[in-house]
Protein backbone atom coordinates (compact mmCIF):
# COMPACT_ATOMS: atom_id res chain seq x y z
CA MET A 1 0.07 0.04 -0.26
CA LYS A 2 1.32 3.55 -0.97
CA ILE A 3 0.05 7.14 0.03
CA TRP A 4 -1.38 8.85 -3.01
CA LYS A 5 -3.23 11.43 -1.74
CA ILE A 6 -3.51 13.69 1.42
CA ALA A 7 -6.70 15.52 1.94
CA LEU A 8 -7.09 18.91 3.54
CA LEU A 9 -10.45 20.32 4.47
CA VAL A 10 -10.38 24.05 3.61
CA GLU A 11 -12.63 26.89 4.46
CA ASP A 12 -11.49 28.94 1.45
CA LEU A 13 -10.70 27.13 -1.73
CA ASP A 14 -9.35 29.93 -3.47
CA ALA A 15 -7.26 30.88 -0.76
CA ALA A 16 -6.04 27.57 -0.15
CA GLU A 17 -5.24 27.57 -3.98
CA GLU A 18 -3.36 30.41 -3.87
CA PHE A 19 -1.18 29.48 -0.82
CA TYR A 20 -0.39 26.23 -1.95
CA THR A 21 0.71 27.19 -5.65
CA LYS A 22 2.14 30.88 -5.04
CA VAL A 23 3.43 30.45 -1.69
CA VAL A 24 4.58 26.65 -1.33
CA GLY A 25 5.29 26.31 -5.15
CA MET A 26 2.89 23.61 -5.79
CA GLU A 27 0.93 23.47 -9.44
CA VAL A 28 -2.63 22.44 -10.02
CA THR A 29 -3.50 19.11 -11.87
CA SER A 30 -7.13 19.26 -11.66
CA ARG A 31 -9.74 21.02 -10.35
CA GLY A 32 -13.63 20.40 -9.60
CA PRO A 33 -16.56 22.61 -8.05
CA ARG A 34 -15.81 21.51 -4.33
CA SER A 35 -11.96 20.42 -4.89
CA ILE A 36 -8.61 20.85 -6.09
CA TYR A 37 -5.67 18.62 -6.80
CA VAL A 38 -2.18 19.78 -6.51
CA ASP A 39 1.20 18.08 -7.30
CA ALA A 40 3.18 17.60 -3.96
CA GLY A 41 5.69 15.11 -5.50
CA ASP A 42 5.19 11.57 -5.10
CA VAL A 43 1.66 12.33 -3.61
CA LYS A 44 -1.51 14.47 -4.53
CA LEU A 45 -2.53 17.11 -2.32
CA GLU A 46 -6.08 17.38 -2.22
CA LEU A 47 -8.01 20.54 -1.09
CA ILE A 48 -11.59 20.07 -0.40
CA LYS A 49 -13.99 22.70 0.67
CA VAL A 50 -15.15 22.01 4.17
CA GLU A 51 -18.87 22.45 3.05
CA ALA A 52 -18.24 19.01 1.31
CA PHE A 53 -18.64 17.29 4.50
CA ALA A 54 -20.81 19.87 6.24
CA GLY A 55 -22.89 18.13 9.33
CA ASP A 56 -20.47 14.90 9.30
CA GLU A 57 -19.25 14.80 12.81
CA ARG A 58 -16.07 12.87 12.21
CA LEU A 59 -15.28 13.97 8.61
CA GLY A 60 -15.95 17.57 8.84
CA LYS A 61 -12.95 18.39 11.05
CA PRO A 62 -8.91 17.89 10.69
CA GLY A 63 -7.45 15.07 12.23
CA PHE A 64 -3.67 14.99 11.35
CA HIS A 65 -0.75 16.77 13.04
CA HIS A 66 1.40 18.30 10.04
CA LEU A 67 2.41 17.73 6.26
CA SER A 68 6.11 17.39 5.60
CA PHE A 69 8.06 18.44 2.72
CA SER A 70 11.56 17.20 2.18
CA VAL A 71 14.25 20.02 1.42
CA ASP A 72 17.92 20.03 0.86
CA ASP A 73 18.79 23.35 2.58
CA ILE A 74 16.00 24.38 5.27
CA ALA A 75 17.35 27.87 5.83
CA LYS A 76 17.26 28.84 2.23
CA GLU A 77 13.66 27.01 1.65
CA ALA A 78 12.47 28.95 4.80
CA GLU A 79 13.63 32.43 3.71
CA LYS A 80 11.77 31.92 0.32
CA LEU A 81 8.79 30.98 1.84
CA LYS A 82 9.00 34.02 3.91
CA GLN A 83 9.50 36.24 1.46
CA LYS A 84 6.18 34.68 -0.29
CA GLY A 85 4.24 35.54 2.94
CA ALA A 86 4.44 32.12 5.02
CA GLU A 87 4.35 32.63 8.50
CA PHE A 88 6.54 30.46 10.53
CA ILE A 89 5.15 28.53 13.95
CA ARG A 90 8.78 27.47 14.76
CA GLU A 91 11.68 28.51 12.88
CA PRO A 92 14.24 26.12 11.81
CA PHE A 93 15.80 24.01 14.51
CA GLU A 94 18.00 21.02 14.65
CA ARG A 95 15.99 18.04 16.04
CA THR A 96 18.71 15.82 16.29
CA LYS A 97 22.17 16.02 15.00
CA GLY A 98 21.88 16.27 11.25
CA LEU A 99 18.05 16.66 11.34
CA GLN A 100 16.66 20.14 11.14
CA LEU A 101 12.88 20.99 11.07
CA ALA A 102 10.62 23.75 11.01
CA PHE A 103 7.17 24.64 11.02
CA PHE A 104 4.76 27.01 9.23
CA ASP A 105 1.30 27.78 8.94
CA GLY A 106 -0.78 25.96 6.25
CA LEU A 107 -3.89 28.00 6.54
CA ASN A 108 -7.22 26.59 8.50
CA GLY A 109 -4.76 25.36 11.41
CA VAL A 110 -3.00 22.91 9.12
CA ASN A 111 0.77 22.69 10.23
CA LEU A 112 3.30 22.27 7.33
CA GLN A 113 6.91 21.06 8.01
CA LEU A 114 9.99 21.54 6.24
CA PHE A 115 12.36 18.66 6.90
CA ASP A 116 16.07 18.67 6.01
CA ASP A 117 17.74 15.22 6.84
CA LYS A 118 21.60 15.06 6.55
CA ARG A 119 22.09 12.12 8.89
């Protein structure tokens, strides 16, 4: 079994599309009336209007901690994201020797992570 998609419920589909394309640098691969798919490398990221699951107690709210993006130079990538308007929750830090992480806001309470592993 392989992960092919990660889905996020978003309050504003247009704002989410702008953030994930203009700030994070992903490309839209397909679009429907209630969702947008963006290319996130080896997996797809599906952005879904929260209204699609309105009234569903379980599926209508977020349920994961963060999405992680592998990078080769965490300081450089963090600076690029800041210049595009990303707001960092935690600046780049060394978790363990050779492993650096940073967290930034992905809208609607979604945490995004930069992952730079040189162990």
